[in-house]
Amino acid sequence: GGSLRLSCAASGSIFSIDYMGWYRQAPGQERELVASISAGGTT
């Protein structure tokens, strides 16, 4: 019932970023998509 806020910062010689996203993997499970967002904000 609680909340958390995850953040991710990309650094380096970056020219342009297309989509960004979050995936998760639990023990014994396959990696799955949590959420993604395009450069234009489509989620």
Full PDB file with SEQRES, HELIX, SHEET, SSBOND, CRYST1, ORIGX, SCALE, CONECT and MASTER records, all heavy atoms in Angstrom:
SEQRES   1 A   43  GLY GLY SER LEU ARG LEU SER CYS ALA ALA SER GLY SER          
SEQRES   2 A   43  ILE PHE SER ILE ASP TYR MET GLY TRP TYR ARG GLN ALA          
SEQRES   3 A   43  PRO GLY GLN GLU ARG GLU LEU VAL ALA SER ILE SER ALA          
SEQRES   4 A   43  GLY GLY THR THR                                              
SHEET    1 AA1 2 MET A  20  ARG A  24  0                                        
SHEET    2 AA1 2 GLU A  32  ILE A  37 -1                                        
CRYST1    1.000    1.000    1.000  90.00  90.00  90.00 P 1           1          
ORIGX1      1.000000  0.000000  0.000000        0.00000                         
ORIGX2      0.000000  1.000000  0.000000        0.00000                         
ORIGX3      0.000000  0.000000  1.000000        0.00000                         
SCALE1      1.000000  0.000000  0.000000        0.00000                         
SCALE2      0.000000  1.000000  0.000000        0.00000                         
SCALE3      0.000000  0.000000  1.000000        0.00000                         
ATOM      1  N   GLY A   1       0.787  -1.214   0.000  1.00  0.00           N  
ATOM      2  CA  GLY A   1       0.000   0.000   0.000  1.00  0.00           C  
ATOM      3  C   GLY A   1       0.821   1.267   0.000  1.00  0.00           C  
ATOM      4  O   GLY A   1       0.263   2.358  -0.191  1.00  0.00           O  
ATOM      5  N   GLY A   2       2.112   1.140   0.200  1.00  0.00           N  
ATOM      6  CA  GLY A   2       2.983   2.293   0.230  1.00  0.00           C  
ATOM      7  C   GLY A   2       3.402   2.744  -1.155  1.00  0.00           C  
ATOM      8  O   GLY A   2       2.967   2.203  -2.174  1.00  0.00           O  
ATOM      9  N   SER A   3       4.282   3.737  -1.173  1.00  0.00           N  
ATOM     10  CA  SER A   3       4.727   4.340  -2.427  1.00  0.00           C  
ATOM     11  C   SER A   3       6.235   4.485  -2.463  1.00  0.00           C  
ATOM     12  O   SER A   3       6.893   4.641  -1.424  1.00  0.00           O  
ATOM     13  CB  SER A   3       4.099   5.724  -2.619  1.00  0.00           C  
ATOM     14  OG  SER A   3       2.685   5.651  -2.687  1.00  0.00           O  
ATOM     15  N   LEU A   4       6.774   4.438  -3.653  1.00  0.00           N  
ATOM     16  CA  LEU A   4       8.171   4.722  -3.914  1.00  0.00           C  
ATOM     17  C   LEU A   4       8.275   5.485  -5.218  1.00  0.00           C  
ATOM     18  O   LEU A   4       7.425   5.338  -6.098  1.00  0.00           O  
ATOM     19  CB  LEU A   4       9.008   3.445  -4.020  1.00  0.00           C  
ATOM     20  CG  LEU A   4       9.386   2.702  -2.741  1.00  0.00           C  
ATOM     21  CD1 LEU A   4      10.085   1.394  -3.097  1.00  0.00           C  
ATOM     22  CD2 LEU A   4      10.281   3.550  -1.858  1.00  0.00           C  
ATOM     23  N   ARG A   5       9.331   6.267  -5.331  1.00  0.00           N  
ATOM     24  CA  ARG A   5       9.599   6.987  -6.561  1.00  0.00           C  
ATOM     25  C   ARG A   5      11.004   6.644  -7.027  1.00  0.00           C  
ATOM     26  O   ARG A   5      11.983   6.935  -6.332  1.00  0.00           O  
ATOM     27  CB  ARG A   5       9.469   8.491  -6.369  1.00  0.00           C  
ATOM     28  CG  ARG A   5       9.639   9.301  -7.657  1.00  0.00           C  
ATOM     29  CD  ARG A   5       9.390  10.781  -7.410  1.00  0.00           C  
ATOM     30  NE  ARG A   5       9.577  11.594  -8.604  1.00  0.00           N  
ATOM     31  CZ  ARG A   5       8.661  11.806  -9.533  1.00  0.00           C  
ATOM     32  NH1 ARG A   5       7.455  11.252  -9.411  1.00  0.00           N  
ATOM     33  NH2 ARG A   5       8.918  12.570 -10.588  1.00  0.00           N  
ATOM     34  N   LEU A   6      11.099   6.025  -8.181  1.00  0.00           N  
ATOM     35  CA  LEU A   6      12.374   5.674  -8.771  1.00  0.00           C  
ATOM     36  C   LEU A   6      12.799   6.751  -9.764  1.00  0.00           C  
ATOM     37  O   LEU A   6      11.969   7.319 -10.464  1.00  0.00           O  
ATOM     38  CB  LEU A   6      12.303   4.334  -9.492  1.00  0.00           C  
ATOM     39  CG  LEU A   6      11.820   3.126  -8.693  1.00  0.00           C  
ATOM     40  CD1 LEU A   6      11.872   1.873  -9.567  1.00  0.00           C  
ATOM     41  CD2 LEU A   6      12.648   2.944  -7.431  1.00  0.00           C  
ATOM     42  N   SER A   7      14.097   6.986  -9.825  1.00  0.00           N  
ATOM     43  CA  SER A   7      14.645   7.935 -10.771  1.00  0.00           C  
ATOM     44  C   SER A   7      15.814   7.301 -11.502  1.00  0.00           C  
ATOM     45  O   SER A   7      16.502   6.429 -10.967  1.00  0.00           O  
ATOM     46  CB  SER A   7      15.112   9.218 -10.070  1.00  0.00           C  
ATOM     47  OG  SER A   7      14.029   9.900  -9.476  1.00  0.00           O  
ATOM     48  N   CYS A   8      16.033   7.745 -12.712  1.00  0.00           N  
ATOM     49  CA  CYS A   8      17.138   7.251 -13.522  1.00  0.00           C  
ATOM     50  C   CYS A   8      17.713   8.410 -14.309  1.00  0.00           C  
ATOM     51  O   CYS A   8      16.974   9.110 -15.013  1.00  0.00           O  
ATOM     52  CB  CYS A   8      16.669   6.143 -14.464  1.00  0.00           C  
ATOM     53  SG  CYS A   8      17.905   5.599 -15.663  1.00  0.00           S  
ATOM     54  N   ALA A   9      19.007   8.600 -14.198  1.00  0.00           N  
ATOM     55  CA  ALA A   9      19.690   9.665 -14.907  1.00  0.00           C  
ATOM     56  C   ALA A   9      20.654   9.079 -15.930  1.00  0.00           C  
ATOM     57  O   ALA A   9      21.480   8.228 -15.591  1.00  0.00           O  
ATOM     58  CB  ALA A   9      20.442  10.566 -13.934  1.00  0.00           C  
ATOM     59  N   ALA A  10      20.533   9.521 -17.154  1.00  0.00           N  
ATOM     60  CA  ALA A  10      21.440   9.111 -18.218  1.00  0.00           C  
ATOM     61  C   ALA A  10      22.524  10.161 -18.383  1.00  0.00           C  
ATOM     62  O   ALA A  10      22.242  11.361 -18.419  1.00  0.00           O  
ATOM     63  CB  ALA A  10      20.690   8.928 -19.532  1.00  0.00           C  
ATOM     64  N   SER A  11      23.752   9.712 -18.485  1.00  0.00           N  
ATOM     65  CA  SER A  11      24.867  10.636 -18.638  1.00  0.00           C  
ATOM     66  C   SER A  11      25.853  10.088 -19.657  1.00  0.00           C  
ATOM     67  O   SER A  11      25.849   8.901 -19.982  1.00  0.00           O  
ATOM     68  CB  SER A  11      25.571  10.880 -17.299  1.00  0.00           C  
ATOM     69  OG  SER A  11      26.120   9.683 -16.785  1.00  0.00           O  
ATOM     70  N   GLY A  12      26.715  10.961 -20.143  1.00  0.00           N  
ATOM     71  CA  GLY A  12      27.691  10.591 -21.140  1.00  0.00           C  
ATOM     72  C   GLY A  12      27.574  11.474 -22.363  1.00  0.00           C  
ATOM     73  O   GLY A  12      26.934  12.524 -22.341  1.00  0.00           O  
ATOM     74  N   SER A  13      28.187  11.033 -23.437  1.00  0.00           N  
ATOM     75  CA  SER A  13      28.183  11.802 -24.683  1.00  0.00           C  
ATOM     76  C   SER A  13      26.897  11.521 -25.461  1.00  0.00           C  
ATOM     77  O   SER A  13      26.903  10.880 -26.516  1.00  0.00           O  
ATOM     78  CB  SER A  13      29.416  11.445 -25.512  1.00  0.00           C  
ATOM     79  OG  SER A  13      29.510  12.264 -26.669  1.00  0.00           O  
ATOM     80  N   ILE A  14      25.795  12.019 -24.938  1.00  0.00           N  
ATOM     81  CA  ILE A  14      24.473  11.728 -25.483  1.00  0.00           C  
ATOM     82  C   ILE A  14      24.048  12.805 -26.463  1.00  0.00           C  
ATOM     83  O   ILE A  14      24.006  13.985 -26.125  1.00  0.00           O  
ATOM     84  CB  ILE A  14      23.441  11.595 -24.358  1.00  0.00           C  
ATOM     85  CG1 ILE A  14      23.816  10.451 -23.419  1.00  0.00           C  
ATOM     86  CG2 ILE A  14      22.052  11.376 -24.947  1.00  0.00           C  
ATOM     87  CD1 ILE A  14      22.962  10.380 -22.179  1.00  0.00           C  
ATOM     88  N   PHE A  15      23.700  12.379 -27.662  1.00  0.00           N  
ATOM     89  CA  PHE A  15      23.203  13.296 -28.677  1.00  0.00           C  
ATOM     90  C   PHE A  15      21.688  13.422 -28.610  1.00  0.00           C  
ATOM     91  O   PHE A  15      21.150  14.527 -28.675  1.00  0.00           O  
ATOM     92  CB  PHE A  15      23.642  12.837 -30.065  1.00  0.00           C  
ATOM     93  CG  PHE A  15      23.095  13.673 -31.185  1.00  0.00           C  
ATOM     94  CD1 PHE A  15      23.646  14.909 -31.469  1.00  0.00           C  
ATOM     95  CD2 PHE A  15      22.027  13.238 -31.952  1.00  0.00           C  
ATOM     96  CE1 PHE A  15      23.153  15.701 -32.493  1.00  0.00           C  
ATOM     97  CE2 PHE A  15      21.522  14.011 -32.985  1.00  0.00           C  
ATOM     98  CZ  PHE A  15      22.087  15.243 -33.252  1.00  0.00           C  
ATOM     99  N   SER A  16      21.012  12.296 -28.484  1.00  0.00           N  
ATOM    100  CA  SER A  16      19.559  12.313 -28.475  1.00  0.00           C  
ATOM    101  C   SER A  16      19.036  11.038 -27.825  1.00  0.00           C  
ATOM    102  O   SER A  16      19.603   9.973 -28.013  1.00  0.00           O  
ATOM    103  CB  SER A  16      19.024  12.431 -29.907  1.00  0.00           C  
ATOM    104  OG  SER A  16      17.611  12.432 -29.934  1.00  0.00           O  
ATOM    105  N   ILE A  17      17.954  11.160 -27.079  1.00  0.00           N  
ATOM    106  CA  ILE A  17      17.308  10.022 -26.454  1.00  0.00           C  
ATOM    107  C   ILE A  17      15.924   9.825 -27.050  1.00  0.00           C  
ATOM    108  O   ILE A  17      15.130  10.764 -27.102  1.00  0.00           O  
ATOM    109  CB  ILE A  17      17.183  10.198 -24.929  1.00  0.00           C  
ATOM    110  CG1 ILE A  17      18.558  10.378 -24.294  1.00  0.00           C  
ATOM    111  CG2 ILE A  17      16.466   9.003 -24.308  1.00  0.00           C  
ATOM    112  CD1 ILE A  17      18.515  10.596 -22.801  1.00  0.00           C  
ATOM    113  N   ASP A  18      15.664   8.619 -27.501  1.00  0.00           N  
ATOM    114  CA  ASP A  18      14.345   8.267 -28.016  1.00  0.00           C  
ATOM    115  C   ASP A  18      13.444   7.908 -26.830  1.00  0.00           C  
ATOM    116  O   ASP A  18      13.075   8.787 -26.055  1.00  0.00           O  
ATOM    117  CB  ASP A  18      14.475   7.124 -29.023  1.00  0.00           C  
ATOM    118  CG  ASP A  18      13.158   6.785 -29.697  1.00  0.00           C  
ATOM    119  OD1 ASP A  18      12.180   7.541 -29.533  1.00  0.00           O  
ATOM    120  OD2 ASP A  18      13.097   5.755 -30.394  1.00  0.00           O  
ATOM    121  N   TYR A  19      13.116   6.655 -26.670  1.00  0.00           N  
ATOM    122  CA  TYR A  19      12.265   6.283 -25.547  1.00  0.00           C  
ATOM    123  C   TYR A  19      13.095   5.916 -24.327  1.00  0.00           C  
ATOM    124  O   TYR A  19      14.262   5.555 -24.427  1.00  0.00           O  
ATOM    125  CB  TYR A  19      11.306   5.141 -25.915  1.00  0.00           C  
ATOM    126  CG  TYR A  19      11.954   3.791 -26.127  1.00  0.00           C  
ATOM    127  CD1 TYR A  19      12.298   2.989 -25.045  1.00  0.00           C  
ATOM    128  CD2 TYR A  19      12.179   3.312 -27.409  1.00  0.00           C  
ATOM    129  CE1 TYR A  19      12.873   1.747 -25.236  1.00  0.00           C  
ATOM    130  CE2 TYR A  19      12.749   2.074 -27.607  1.00  0.00           C  
ATOM    131  CZ  TYR A  19      13.093   1.296 -26.526  1.00  0.00           C  
ATOM    132  OH  TYR A  19      13.661   0.062 -26.717  1.00  0.00           O  
ATOM    133  N   MET A  20      12.465   6.011 -23.177  1.00  0.00           N  
ATOM    134  CA  MET A  20      13.044   5.577 -21.920  1.00  0.00           C  
ATOM    135  C   MET A  20      12.008   4.702 -21.226  1.00  0.00           C  
ATOM    136  O   MET A  20      10.813   4.848 -21.459  1.00  0.00           O  
ATOM    137  CB  MET A  20      13.418   6.763 -21.033  1.00  0.00           C  
ATOM    138  CG  MET A  20      14.352   7.756 -21.700  1.00  0.00           C  
ATOM    139  SD  MET A  20      14.907   9.095 -20.600  1.00  0.00           S  
ATOM    140  CE  MET A  20      16.187   8.227 -19.669  1.00  0.00           C  
ATOM    141  N   GLY A  21      12.478   3.801 -20.397  1.00  0.00           N  
ATOM    142  CA  GLY A  21      11.524   2.917 -19.771  1.00  0.00           C  
ATOM    143  C   GLY A  21      12.050   2.235 -18.538  1.00  0.00           C  
ATOM    144  O   GLY A  21      13.222   2.365 -18.166  1.00  0.00           O  
ATOM    145  N   TRP A  22      11.140   1.525 -17.893  1.00  0.00           N  
ATOM    146  CA  TRP A  22      11.449   0.728 -16.718  1.00  0.00           C  
ATOM    147  C   TRP A  22      11.003  -0.707 -16.948  1.00  0.00           C  
ATOM    148  O   TRP A  22       9.887  -0.953 -17.419  1.00  0.00           O  
ATOM    149  CB  TRP A  22      10.749   1.276 -15.468  1.00  0.00           C  
ATOM    150  CG  TRP A  22      11.287   2.593 -15.010  1.00  0.00           C  
ATOM    151  CD1 TRP A  22      10.832   3.826 -15.342  1.00  0.00           C  
ATOM    152  CD2 TRP A  22      12.387   2.794 -14.118  1.00  0.00           C  
ATOM    153  NE1 TRP A  22      11.577   4.791 -14.712  1.00  0.00           N  
ATOM    154  CE2 TRP A  22      12.537   4.188 -13.958  1.00  0.00           C  
ATOM    155  CE3 TRP A  22      13.255   1.938 -13.446  1.00  0.00           C  
ATOM    156  CZ2 TRP A  22      13.527   4.739 -13.145  1.00  0.00           C  
ATOM    157  CZ3 TRP A  22      14.240   2.489 -12.642  1.00  0.00           C  
ATOM    158  CH2 TRP A  22      14.366   3.873 -12.498  1.00  0.00           C  
ATOM    159  N   TYR A  23      11.869  -1.634 -16.619  1.00  0.00           N  
ATOM    160  CA  TYR A  23      11.580  -3.051 -16.635  1.00  0.00           C  
ATOM    161  C   TYR A  23      11.858  -3.609 -15.245  1.00  0.00           C  
ATOM    162  O   TYR A  23      12.571  -2.992 -14.450  1.00  0.00           O  
ATOM    163  CB  TYR A  23      12.432  -3.782 -17.673  1.00  0.00           C  
ATOM    164  CG  TYR A  23      12.080  -3.458 -19.108  1.00  0.00           C  
ATOM    165  CD1 TYR A  23      12.465  -2.255 -19.685  1.00  0.00           C  
ATOM    166  CD2 TYR A  23      11.370  -4.366 -19.887  1.00  0.00           C  
ATOM    167  CE1 TYR A  23      12.143  -1.959 -20.998  1.00  0.00           C  
ATOM    168  CE2 TYR A  23      11.051  -4.081 -21.201  1.00  0.00           C  
ATOM    169  CZ  TYR A  23      11.442  -2.876 -21.753  1.00  0.00           C  
ATOM    170  OH  TYR A  23      11.132  -2.586 -23.053  1.00  0.00           O  
ATOM    171  N   ARG A  24      11.305  -4.769 -14.976  1.00  0.00           N  
ATOM    172  CA  ARG A  24      11.581  -5.397 -13.693  1.00  0.00           C  
ATOM    173  C   ARG A  24      11.719  -6.905 -13.863  1.00  0.00           C  
ATOM    174  O   ARG A  24      11.184  -7.492 -14.799  1.00  0.00           O  
ATOM    175  CB  ARG A  24      10.488  -5.084 -12.669  1.00  0.00           C  
ATOM    176  CG  ARG A  24       9.135  -5.707 -12.966  1.00  0.00           C  
ATOM    177  CD  ARG A  24       8.089  -5.205 -11.991  1.00  0.00           C  
ATOM    178  NE  ARG A  24       6.801  -5.844 -12.179  1.00  0.00           N  
ATOM    179  CZ  ARG A  24       5.691  -5.485 -11.558  1.00  0.00           C  
ATOM    180  NH1 ARG A  24       5.720  -4.482 -10.680  1.00  0.00           N  
ATOM    181  NH2 ARG A  24       4.557  -6.130 -11.789  1.00  0.00           N  
ATOM    182  N   GLN A  25      12.435  -7.502 -12.934  1.00  0.00           N  
ATOM    183  CA  GLN A  25      12.639  -8.935 -12.953  1.00  0.00           C  
ATOM    184  C   GLN A  25      12.655  -9.457 -11.529  1.00  0.00           C  
ATOM    185  O   GLN A  25      13.478  -9.039 -10.712  1.00  0.00           O  
ATOM    186  CB  GLN A  25      13.940  -9.292 -13.666  1.00  0.00           C  
ATOM    187  CG  GLN A  25      14.135 -10.790 -13.861  1.00  0.00           C  
ATOM    188  CD  GLN A  25      15.267 -11.104 -14.816  1.00  0.00           C  
ATOM    189  OE1 GLN A  25      16.134 -10.269 -15.072  1.00  0.00           O  
ATOM    190  NE2 GLN A  25      15.269 -12.310 -15.355  1.00  0.00           N  
ATOM    191  N   ALA A  26      11.737 -10.356 -11.245  1.00  0.00           N  
ATOM    192  CA  ALA A  26      11.671 -11.008  -9.953  1.00  0.00           C  
ATOM    193  C   ALA A  26      12.432 -12.326 -10.018  1.00  0.00           C  
ATOM    194  O   ALA A  26      12.605 -12.895 -11.102  1.00  0.00           O  
ATOM    195  CB  ALA A  26      10.217 -11.249  -9.553  1.00  0.00           C  
ATOM    196  N   PRO A  27      12.884 -12.841  -8.888  1.00  0.00           N  
ATOM    197  CA  PRO A  27      13.607 -14.116  -8.886  1.00  0.00           C  
ATOM    198  C   PRO A  27      12.799 -15.225  -9.548  1.00  0.00           C  
ATOM    199  O   PRO A  27      11.626 -15.421  -9.240  1.00  0.00           O  
ATOM    200  CB  PRO A  27      13.822 -14.398  -7.398  1.00  0.00           C  
ATOM    201  CG  PRO A  27      13.832 -13.042  -6.760  1.00  0.00           C  
ATOM    202  CD  PRO A  27      12.817 -12.252  -7.533  1.00  0.00           C  
ATOM    203  N   GLY A  28      13.430 -15.932 -10.468  1.00  0.00           N  
ATOM    204  CA  GLY A  28      12.770 -17.017 -11.161  1.00  0.00           C  
ATOM    205  C   GLY A  28      11.798 -16.588 -12.233  1.00  0.00           C  
ATOM    206  O   GLY A  28      11.130 -17.450 -12.822  1.00  0.00           O  
ATOM    207  N   GLN A  29      11.697 -15.300 -12.492  1.00  0.00           N  
ATOM    208  CA  GLN A  29      10.760 -14.782 -13.478  1.00  0.00           C  
ATOM    209  C   GLN A  29      11.498 -14.111 -14.625  1.00  0.00           C  
ATOM    210  O   GLN A  29      12.659 -13.728 -14.505  1.00  0.00           O  
ATOM    211  CB  GLN A  29       9.798 -13.785 -12.829  1.00  0.00           C  
ATOM    212  CG  GLN A  29       9.020 -14.338 -11.654  1.00  0.00           C  
ATOM    213  CD  GLN A  29       8.071 -15.440 -12.066  1.00  0.00           C  
ATOM    214  OE1 GLN A  29       7.407 -15.341 -13.095  1.00  0.00           O  
ATOM    215  NE2 GLN A  29       8.012 -16.490 -11.268  1.00  0.00           N  
ATOM    216  N   GLU A  30      10.798 -13.979 -15.729  1.00  0.00           N  
ATOM    217  CA  GLU A  30      11.351 -13.269 -16.864  1.00  0.00           C  
ATOM    218  C   GLU A  30      11.227 -11.770 -16.666  1.00  0.00           C  
ATOM    219  O   GLU A  30      10.349 -11.288 -15.952  1.00  0.00           O  
ATOM    220  CB  GLU A  30      10.636 -13.676 -18.158  1.00  0.00           C  
ATOM    221  CG  GLU A  30      10.826 -15.128 -18.552  1.00  0.00           C  
ATOM    222  CD  GLU A  30      10.161 -15.457 -19.869  1.00  0.00           C  
ATOM    223  OE1 GLU A  30       9.439 -14.600 -20.403  1.00  0.00           O  
ATOM    224  OE2 GLU A  30      10.369 -16.567 -20.368  1.00  0.00           O  
ATOM    225  N   ARG A  31      12.113 -11.041 -17.300  1.00  0.00           N  
ATOM    226  CA  ARG A  31      12.043  -9.591 -17.259  1.00  0.00           C  
ATOM    227  C   ARG A  31      10.787  -9.117 -17.981  1.00  0.00           C  
ATOM    228  O   ARG A  31      10.447  -9.622 -19.060  1.00  0.00           O  
ATOM    229  CB  ARG A  31      13.284  -8.992 -17.910  1.00  0.00           C  
ATOM    230  CG  ARG A  31      13.362  -7.472 -17.826  1.00  0.00           C  
ATOM    231  CD  ARG A  31      14.647  -6.974 -18.443  1.00  0.00           C  
ATOM    232  NE  ARG A  31      14.736  -7.338 -19.856  1.00  0.00           N  
ATOM    233  CZ  ARG A  31      15.812  -7.153 -20.605  1.00  0.00           C  
ATOM    234  NH1 ARG A  31      16.912  -6.623 -20.068  1.00  0.00           N  
ATOM    235  NH2 ARG A  31      15.800  -7.511 -21.881  1.00  0.00           N  
ATOM    236  N   GLU A  32      10.097  -8.149 -17.409  1.00  0.00           N  
ATOM    237  CA  GLU A  32       8.875  -7.651 -18.002  1.00  0.00           C  
ATOM    238  C   GLU A  32       8.860  -6.129 -18.039  1.00  0.00           C  
ATOM    239  O   GLU A  32       9.477  -5.458 -17.213  1.00  0.00           O  
ATOM    240  CB  GLU A  32       7.649  -8.153 -17.230  1.00  0.00           C  
ATOM    241  CG  GLU A  32       7.563  -7.638 -15.802  1.00  0.00           C  
ATOM    242  CD  GLU A  32       6.287  -8.070 -15.097  1.00  0.00           C  
ATOM    243  OE1 GLU A  32       5.362  -8.564 -15.768  1.00  0.00           O  
ATOM    244  OE2 GLU A  32       6.216  -7.912 -13.860  1.00  0.00           O  
ATOM    245  N   LEU A  33       8.129  -5.611 -18.997  1.00  0.00           N  
ATOM    246  CA  LEU A  33       7.965  -4.168 -19.116  1.00  0.00           C  
ATOM    247  C   LEU A  33       7.090  -3.645 -17.991  1.00  0.00           C  
ATOM    248  O   LEU A  33       6.018  -4.179 -17.714  1.00  0.00           O  
ATOM    249  CB  LEU A  33       7.335  -3.819 -20.463  1.00  0.00           C  
ATOM    250  CG  LEU A  33       6.925  -2.349 -20.636  1.00  0.00           C  
ATOM    251  CD1 LEU A  33       8.153  -1.453 -20.742  1.00  0.00           C  
ATOM    252  CD2 LEU A  33       6.034  -2.174 -21.863  1.00  0.00           C  
ATOM    253  N   VAL A  34       7.545  -2.591 -17.356  1.00  0.00           N  
ATOM    254  CA  VAL A  34       6.745  -1.877 -16.371  1.00  0.00           C  
ATOM    255  C   VAL A  34       6.083  -0.672 -17.025  1.00  0.00           C  
ATOM    256  O   VAL A  34       4.863  -0.515 -16.986  1.00  0.00           O  
ATOM    257  CB  VAL A  34       7.592  -1.431 -15.167  1.00  0.00           C  
ATOM    258  CG1 VAL A  34       6.740  -0.645 -14.172  1.00  0.00           C  
ATOM    259  CG2 VAL A  34       8.232  -2.640 -14.495  1.00  0.00           C  
ATOM    260  N   ALA A  35       6.892   0.184 -17.624  1.00  0.00           N  
ATOM    261  CA  ALA A  35       6.383   1.372 -18.278  1.00  0.00           C  
ATOM    262  C   ALA A  35       7.437   1.932 -19.204  1.00  0.00           C  
ATOM    263  O   ALA A  35       8.631   1.766 -18.977  1.00  0.00           O  
ATOM    264  CB  ALA A  35       5.970   2.442 -17.247  1.00  0.00           C  
ATOM    265  N   SER A  36       6.996   2.605 -20.242  1.00  0.00           N  
ATOM    266  CA  SER A  36       7.908   3.285 -21.152  1.00  0.00           C  
ATOM    267  C   SER A  36       7.310   4.617 -21.552  1.00  0.00           C  
ATOM    268  O   SER A  36       6.095   4.830 -21.448  1.00  0.00           O  
ATOM    269  CB  SER A  36       8.207   2.433 -22.391  1.00  0.00           C  
ATOM    270  OG  SER A  36       7.045   2.243 -23.173  1.00  0.00           O  
ATOM    271  N   ILE A  37       8.165   5.504 -22.022  1.00  0.00           N  
ATOM    272  CA  ILE A  37       7.714   6.828 -22.433  1.00  0.00           C  
ATOM    273  C   ILE A  37       8.562   7.291 -23.605  1.00  0.00           C  
ATOM    274  O   ILE A  37       9.787   7.181 -23.597  1.00  0.00           O  
ATOM    275  CB  ILE A  37       7.778   7.821 -21.245  1.00  0.00           C  
ATOM    276  CG1 ILE A  37       7.238   9.187 -21.655  1.00  0.00           C  
ATOM    277  CG2 ILE A  37       9.192   7.912 -20.679  1.00  0.00           C  
ATOM    278  CD1 ILE A  37       7.006  10.110 -20.466  1.00  0.00           C  
ATOM    279  N   SER A  38       7.917   7.799 -24.629  1.00  0.00           N  
ATOM    280  CA  SER A  38       8.608   8.254 -25.816  1.00  0.00           C  
ATOM    281  C   SER A  38       9.169   9.648 -25.608  1.00  0.00           C  
ATOM    282  O   SER A  38       8.886  10.321 -24.619  1.00  0.00           O  
ATOM    283  CB  SER A  38       7.662   8.249 -27.020  1.00  0.00           C  
ATOM    284  OG  SER A  38       6.706   9.290 -26.909  1.00  0.00           O  
ATOM    285  N   ALA A  39       9.971  10.090 -26.574  1.00  0.00           N  
ATOM    286  CA  ALA A  39      10.524  11.437 -26.495  1.00  0.00           C  
ATOM    287  C   ALA A  39       9.432  12.490 -26.464  1.00  0.00           C  
ATOM    288  O   ALA A  39       9.603  13.555 -25.858  1.00  0.00           O  
ATOM    289  CB  ALA A  39      11.467  11.686 -27.671  1.00  0.00           C  
ATOM    290  N   GLY A  40       8.307  12.206 -27.119  1.00  0.00           N  
ATOM    291  CA  GLY A  40       7.194  13.138 -27.144  1.00  0.00           C  
ATOM    292  C   GLY A  40       6.240  13.012 -25.980  1.00  0.00           C  
ATOM    293  O   GLY A  40       5.279  13.786 -25.888  1.00  0.00           O  
ATOM    294  N   GLY A  41       6.462  12.042 -25.091  1.00  0.00           N  
ATOM    295  CA  GLY A  41       5.642  11.906 -23.905  1.00  0.00           C  
ATOM    296  C   GLY A  41       4.574  10.832 -23.963  1.00  0.00           C  
ATOM    297  O   GLY A  41       3.785  10.706 -23.020  1.00  0.00           O  
ATOM    298  N   THR A  42       4.523  10.051 -25.031  1.00  0.00           N  
ATOM    299  CA  THR A  42       3.565   8.960 -25.113  1.00  0.00           C  
ATOM    300  C   THR A  42       3.983   7.831 -24.178  1.00  0.00           C  
ATOM    301  O   THR A  42       5.126   7.384 -24.208  1.00  0.00           O  
ATOM    302  CB  THR A  42       3.456   8.433 -26.542  1.00  0.00           C  
ATOM    303  OG1 THR A  42       3.042   9.491 -27.407  1.00  0.00           O  
ATOM    304  CG2 THR A  42       2.447   7.297 -26.627  1.00  0.00           C  
ATOM    305  N   THR A  43       3.057   7.362 -23.356  1.00  0.00           N  
ATOM    306  CA  THR A  43       3.375   6.361 -22.343  1.00  0.00           C  
ATOM    307  C   THR A  43       2.751   5.013 -22.655  1.00  0.00           C  
ATOM    308  O   THR A  43       1.731   4.914 -23.352  1.00  0.00           O  
ATOM    309  CB  THR A  43       2.904   6.820 -20.960  1.00  0.00           C  
ATOM    310  OG1 THR A  43       1.491   7.066 -20.990  1.00  0.00           O  
ATOM    311  CG2 THR A  43       3.618   8.100 -20.550  1.00  0.00           C  
TER     312      THR A  43                                                      
MASTER        0    0    0    0    2    0    0    6  311    1    0    4          
END                                                                             
